[in-house]
Amino acid sequence: MQFISTVGSWLMIITIMLIIYSFISALRNGKKAEANPWGGVTLEWHIESPPPLENFHEIPKVTHEPYDFSQLKTMKYVPKGEVYE
């Protein structure tokens, strides 16, 4: 029984070390995410990062449902690196 617990603790330590290595590797070598990586159309995806004091420079007008992706190509904000025609 003690041997099984010992092997289990070794596996747990190896797993934790792997997680820490992945985290440090991502911090050092990972690329930065774009402003809107998921192509979201809700209001929180339309502001800069870090957000300004009041979130929006002018009060936005909501003219669509929150998950209406048909207007994705016509919205003002175009994610960096993407071109909509």
C-alpha atoms as a PDB file:
ATOM      1  CA  MET A   1       0.000   0.000   0.000  1.00  0.00           C
ATOM      2  CA  GLN A   2       2.828   2.430   0.807  1.00  0.00           C
ATOM      3  CA  PHE A   3       4.511   1.647  -2.512  1.00  0.00           C
ATOM      4  CA  ILE A   4       1.348   2.606  -4.431  1.00  0.00           C
ATOM      5  CA  SER A   5       1.165   5.891  -2.513  1.00  0.00           C
ATOM      6  CA  THR A   6       4.839   6.577  -3.220  1.00  0.00           C
ATOM      7  CA  VAL A   7       4.447   5.960  -6.965  1.00  0.00           C
ATOM      8  CA  GLY A   8       1.328   8.131  -6.969  1.00  0.00           C
ATOM      9  CA  SER A   9       3.225  10.979  -5.327  1.00  0.00           C
ATOM     10  CA  TRP A  10       5.981  10.697  -7.956  1.00  0.00           C
ATOM     11  CA  LEU A  11       3.395  10.902 -10.738  1.00  0.00           C
ATOM     12  CA  MET A  12       1.839  13.933  -9.087  1.00  0.00           C
ATOM     13  CA  ILE A  13       5.219  15.695  -8.811  1.00  0.00           C
ATOM     14  CA  ILE A  14       6.042  14.925 -12.458  1.00  0.00           C
ATOM     15  CA  THR A  15       2.655  16.281 -13.534  1.00  0.00           C
ATOM     16  CA  ILE A  16       3.056  19.480 -11.500  1.00  0.00           C
ATOM     17  CA  MET A  17       6.542  20.014 -12.934  1.00  0.00           C
ATOM     18  CA  LEU A  18       5.152  19.552 -16.453  1.00  0.00           C
ATOM     19  CA  ILE A  19       2.441  22.148 -15.791  1.00  0.00           C
ATOM     20  CA  ILE A  20       4.991  24.633 -14.416  1.00  0.00           C
ATOM     21  CA  TYR A  21       7.278  24.045 -17.414  1.00  0.00           C
ATOM     22  CA  SER A  22       4.392  24.595 -19.840  1.00  0.00           C
ATOM     23  CA  PHE A  23       3.401  27.807 -18.052  1.00  0.00           C
ATOM     24  CA  ILE A  24       6.931  29.250 -18.091  1.00  0.00           C
ATOM     25  CA  SER A  25       7.438  28.180 -21.705  1.00  0.00           C
ATOM     26  CA  ALA A  26       4.198  29.888 -22.732  1.00  0.00           C
ATOM     27  CA  LEU A  27       5.203  33.093 -20.927  1.00  0.00           C
ATOM     28  CA  ARG A  28       8.598  33.186 -22.623  1.00  0.00           C
ATOM     29  CA  ASN A  29       7.846  31.898 -26.116  1.00  0.00           C
ATOM     30  CA  GLY A  30       4.104  32.201 -26.584  1.00  0.00           C
ATOM     31  CA  LYS A  31       2.742  34.711 -29.055  1.00  0.00           C
ATOM     32  CA  LYS A  32       0.388  37.441 -27.891  1.00  0.00           C
ATOM     33  CA  ALA A  33      -3.289  36.982 -28.575  1.00  0.00           C
ATOM     34  CA  GLU A  34      -5.020  39.293 -31.041  1.00  0.00           C
ATOM     35  CA  ALA A  35      -7.595  41.810 -29.863  1.00  0.00           C
ATOM     36  CA  ASN A  36     -10.532  39.597 -30.897  1.00  0.00           C
ATOM     37  CA  PRO A  37      -9.179  36.066 -31.386  1.00  0.00           C
ATOM     38  CA  TRP A  38     -12.596  34.388 -31.304  1.00  0.00           C
ATOM     39  CA  GLY A  39     -14.408  36.765 -33.668  1.00  0.00           C
ATOM     40  CA  GLY A  40     -16.850  37.785 -30.946  1.00  0.00           C
ATOM     41  CA  VAL A  41     -19.556  40.305 -31.772  1.00  0.00           C
ATOM     42  CA  THR A  42     -20.643  41.295 -28.264  1.00  0.00           C
ATOM     43  CA  LEU A  43     -19.687  44.680 -26.786  1.00  0.00           C
ATOM     44  CA  GLU A  44     -16.743  43.512 -24.676  1.00  0.00           C
ATOM     45  CA  TRP A  45     -14.836  42.556 -27.840  1.00  0.00           C
ATOM     46  CA  HIS A  46     -15.097  46.106 -29.236  1.00  0.00           C
ATOM     47  CA  ILE A  47     -12.906  47.862 -26.672  1.00  0.00           C
ATOM     48  CA  GLU A  48      -9.133  48.212 -26.497  1.00  0.00           C
ATOM     49  CA  SER A  49      -6.921  46.427 -24.020  1.00  0.00           C
ATOM     50  CA  PRO A  50      -6.446  47.752 -21.428  1.00  0.00           C
ATOM     51  CA  PRO A  51      -9.894  49.346 -21.523  1.00  0.00           C
ATOM     52  CA  PRO A  52     -10.317  53.106 -21.161  1.00  0.00           C
ATOM     53  CA  LEU A  53     -11.739  54.530 -17.928  1.00  0.00           C
ATOM     54  CA  GLU A  54     -15.394  54.302 -18.988  1.00  0.00           C
ATOM     55  CA  ASN A  55     -14.917  51.316 -21.383  1.00  0.00           C
ATOM     56  CA  PHE A  56     -16.249  53.221 -24.424  1.00  0.00           C
ATOM     57  CA  HIS A  57     -15.343  56.679 -25.715  1.00  0.00           C
ATOM     58  CA  GLU A  58     -18.954  57.117 -26.838  1.00  0.00           C
ATOM     59  CA  ILE A  59     -22.048  55.165 -25.811  1.00  0.00           C
ATOM     60  CA  PRO A  60     -22.531  52.319 -28.321  1.00  0.00           C
ATOM     61  CA  LYS A  61     -25.826  51.655 -30.067  1.00  0.00           C
ATOM     62  CA  VAL A  62     -26.818  48.015 -29.977  1.00  0.00           C
ATOM     63  CA  THR A  63     -28.582  47.127 -33.221  1.00  0.00           C
ATOM     64  CA  HIS A  64     -28.362  43.334 -33.168  1.00  0.00           C
ATOM     65  CA  GLU A  65     -28.770  40.336 -30.915  1.00  0.00           C
ATOM     66  CA  PRO A  66     -25.702  39.302 -28.887  1.00  0.00           C
ATOM     67  CA  TYR A  67     -25.022  36.163 -30.931  1.00  0.00           C
ATOM     68  CA  ASP A  68     -25.966  37.490 -34.371  1.00  0.00           C
ATOM     69  CA  PHE A  69     -22.833  36.555 -36.314  1.00  0.00           C
ATOM     70  CA  SER A  70     -24.353  37.581 -39.652  1.00  0.00           C
ATOM     71  CA  GLN A  71     -23.191  41.158 -39.012  1.00  0.00           C
ATOM     72  CA  LEU A  72     -19.587  40.141 -38.237  1.00  0.00           C
ATOM     73  CA  LYS A  73     -18.274  41.290 -41.622  1.00  0.00           C
ATOM     74  CA  THR A  74     -20.040  44.663 -41.468  1.00  0.00           C
ATOM     75  CA  MET A  75     -19.113  45.720 -37.947  1.00  0.00           C
ATOM     76  CA  LYS A  76     -16.638  48.570 -37.441  1.00  0.00           C
ATOM     77  CA  TYR A  77     -14.042  46.529 -35.615  1.00  0.00           C
ATOM     78  CA  VAL A  78     -11.884  44.236 -37.756  1.00  0.00           C
ATOM     79  CA  PRO A  79      -9.544  41.930 -35.856  1.00  0.00           C
ATOM     80  CA  LYS A  80      -5.847  42.589 -36.444  1.00  0.00           C
ATOM     81  CA  GLY A  81      -4.455  40.534 -39.297  1.00  0.00           C
ATOM     82  CA  GLU A  82      -7.849  39.815 -40.856  1.00  0.00           C
ATOM     83  CA  VAL A  83      -9.357  41.499 -43.904  1.00  0.00           C
ATOM     84  CA  TYR A  84     -13.086  41.531 -44.580  1.00  0.00           C
ATOM     85  CA  GLU A  85     -14.336  42.413 -48.022  1.00  0.00           C
END
